[in-house]
């Protein structure tokens, strides 16, 4: 048993506590961090992967097809700035599927504001503002 000092008392603990400062949760077996601190560290070290896996998990929960690769998603974020501007305010970006019948694929997603996305859903917005329209690029050949 491990003895830990909390305040002035020594307490016998049959398990290891998390190594993070001010965290007294139980560490996972043969690990130094608890699951909560481990998840926080992952989000800080790999923010784009965290966003990608959240999007993929939400698509699975909603039973939507998801064929977007991580490389395609990172390119999408680089072009639109989605990873920096996402959030819960009206002017934050969200991912919209151009054709709601199709799933999440490279050609079917775009970044638009949450307010415009909800207007599209309600049917009050018939046309997207100019900055969110997909620009037709000429063929390279």
Protein backbone atom coordinates (compact mmCIF):
# COMPACT_ATOMS: atom_id res chain seq x y z
CA UNK A 1 0.00 0.00 0.00
CA UNK A 2 1.11 3.50 -0.79
CA UNK A 3 1.06 6.16 1.91
CA UNK A 4 0.14 9.65 0.78
CA UNK A 5 0.17 12.85 2.79
CA UNK A 6 -3.00 14.91 2.39
CA UNK A 7 -2.87 17.92 4.68
CA UNK A 8 -1.19 16.66 7.88
CA UNK A 9 -2.63 13.10 7.87
CA UNK A 10 -1.09 10.06 6.25
CA UNK A 11 -3.65 8.01 4.38
CA UNK A 12 -3.10 4.45 3.17
CA UNK A 13 -4.10 4.22 -0.48
CA UNK A 14 -4.27 0.80 -2.19
CA UNK A 15 -3.85 2.44 -5.62
CA UNK A 16 -1.73 5.11 -7.26
CA UNK A 17 -3.10 8.60 -7.64
CA UNK A 18 -2.70 10.67 -10.79
CA UNK A 19 0.67 12.39 -11.26
CA UNK A 20 -0.97 15.66 -12.38
CA UNK A 21 -0.69 18.43 -9.82
CA UNK A 22 -3.88 18.88 -7.73
CA UNK A 23 -5.52 15.79 -9.25
CA UNK A 24 -6.36 13.05 -6.77
CA UNK A 25 -8.12 10.67 -9.14
CA UNK A 26 -7.12 7.04 -9.40
CA UNK A 27 -4.46 6.43 -12.05
CA UNK A 28 -5.03 3.70 -14.58
CA UNK A 29 -3.35 0.37 -13.96
CA UNK A 30 0.41 0.57 -14.63
CA UNK A 31 0.04 4.25 -15.61
CA UNK A 32 0.82 7.57 -13.96
CA UNK A 33 -2.21 9.55 -15.21
CA UNK A 34 -5.94 9.18 -14.67
CA UNK A 35 -8.16 8.86 -17.76
CA UNK A 36 -9.38 12.48 -17.48
CA UNK A 37 -5.86 13.97 -17.44
CA UNK A 38 -4.78 11.60 -20.20
CA UNK A 39 -7.64 12.86 -22.42
CA UNK A 40 -6.82 16.51 -21.67
CA UNK A 41 -3.19 15.95 -22.61
CA UNK A 42 -4.22 14.29 -25.90
CA UNK A 43 -6.49 17.23 -26.81
CA UNK A 44 -3.65 19.70 -26.15
CA UNK A 45 -1.07 17.73 -28.11
CA UNK A 46 -3.28 16.68 -31.07
CA UNK A 47 -6.11 19.22 -31.49
CA UNK A 48 -6.78 18.47 -35.18
CA UNK A 49 -6.99 14.71 -34.60
CA UNK A 50 -9.35 15.34 -31.67
CA UNK A 51 -11.68 17.43 -33.87
CA UNK A 52 -11.53 14.80 -36.65
CA UNK A 53 -12.40 11.93 -34.30
CA UNK A 54 -15.27 13.94 -32.76
CA UNK A 55 -16.70 14.60 -36.23
CA UNK A 56 -16.32 10.95 -37.17
CA UNK A 57 -17.95 9.78 -33.93
CA UNK A 58 -20.89 12.16 -34.37
CA UNK A 59 -21.40 10.92 -37.94
CA UNK A 60 -21.41 7.34 -36.70
CA UNK A 61 -23.88 8.17 -33.91
CA UNK A 62 -26.18 9.87 -36.44
CA UNK A 63 -25.69 6.95 -38.88
CA UNK A 64 -24.18 9.13 -41.61
CA UNK A 65 -21.58 7.85 -44.06
CA UNK A 66 -18.06 9.12 -43.29
CA UNK A 67 -15.42 8.67 -46.02
CA UNK A 68 -13.29 11.70 -45.18
CA UNK A 69 -9.65 10.85 -44.42
CA UNK A 70 -7.59 12.71 -41.85
CA UNK A 71 -5.38 14.19 -44.60
CA UNK A 72 -8.43 15.53 -46.46
CA UNK A 73 -9.83 16.95 -43.22
CA UNK A 74 -6.54 18.67 -42.31
CA UNK A 75 -6.40 20.22 -45.81
CA UNK A 76 -10.02 21.40 -45.37
CA UNK A 77 -9.10 23.00 -42.01
CA UNK A 78 -6.04 24.67 -43.50
CA UNK A 79 -8.10 26.21 -46.33
CA UNK A 80 -11.13 27.30 -44.27
CA UNK A 81 -9.66 27.91 -40.82
CA UNK A 82 -12.36 25.68 -39.33
CA UNK A 83 -10.13 24.37 -36.54
CA UNK A 84 -9.41 27.91 -35.30
CA UNK A 85 -12.92 29.40 -35.76
CA UNK A 86 -15.20 26.59 -34.59
CA UNK A 87 -17.30 27.13 -31.49
CA UNK A 88 -20.82 27.73 -30.20
CA UNK A 89 -21.45 31.37 -31.07
CA UNK A 90 -23.49 32.51 -34.08
CA UNK A 91 -20.39 33.57 -36.02
CA UNK A 92 -18.41 30.40 -35.30
CA UNK A 93 -17.86 27.95 -38.13
CA UNK A 94 -19.57 24.60 -38.43
CA UNK A 95 -19.35 21.87 -41.04
CA UNK A 96 -22.28 21.67 -43.44
CA UNK A 97 -22.98 18.92 -45.95
CA UNK A 98 -23.90 20.38 -49.34
CA UNK A 99 -26.17 17.45 -50.12
CA UNK A 100 -27.85 16.25 -46.89
CA UNK A 101 -28.55 12.84 -48.42
CA UNK A 102 -24.84 12.13 -48.81
CA UNK A 103 -22.39 11.63 -45.97
CA UNK A 104 -19.17 13.38 -45.02
CA UNK A 105 -16.83 13.22 -47.99
CA UNK A 106 -14.25 15.57 -49.49
CA UNK A 107 -16.58 17.06 -52.08
CA UNK A 108 -19.66 17.28 -49.86
CA UNK A 109 -18.52 19.42 -46.91
CA UNK A 110 -18.12 23.15 -46.45
CA UNK A 111 -17.54 25.47 -43.50
CA UNK A 112 -20.32 27.99 -42.78
CA UNK A 113 -21.34 29.97 -39.71
CA UNK A 114 -23.68 28.39 -37.20
CA UNK A 115 -26.33 31.05 -37.82
CA UNK A 116 -26.30 30.41 -41.60
CA UNK A 117 -26.38 26.66 -41.00
CA UNK A 118 -29.47 26.93 -38.79
CA UNK A 119 -31.11 29.25 -41.34
CA UNK A 120 -30.49 26.65 -44.04
CA UNK A 121 -32.03 23.99 -41.81
CA UNK A 122 -35.11 26.12 -41.12
CA UNK A 123 -35.51 27.08 -44.77
CA UNK A 124 -35.18 30.84 -44.16
CA UNK A 125 -31.90 31.12 -46.07
CA UNK A 126 -32.19 30.25 -49.74
CA UNK A 127 -28.71 31.25 -50.86
CA UNK A 128 -25.39 31.25 -49.01
CA UNK A 129 -23.43 34.49 -48.60
CA UNK A 130 -20.65 35.00 -51.18
CA UNK A 131 -17.77 34.10 -48.84
CA UNK A 132 -19.18 30.63 -48.19
CA UNK A 133 -20.03 29.65 -51.74
CA UNK A 134 -17.80 27.10 -53.35
CA UNK A 135 -15.77 28.66 -56.12
CA UNK A 136 -15.69 26.76 -59.37
CA UNK A 137 -12.06 26.18 -60.27
CA UNK A 138 -11.11 25.55 -63.90
CA UNK A 139 -9.75 22.11 -64.71
CA UNK A 140 -5.92 21.99 -64.55
CA UNK A 141 -5.65 20.42 -68.01
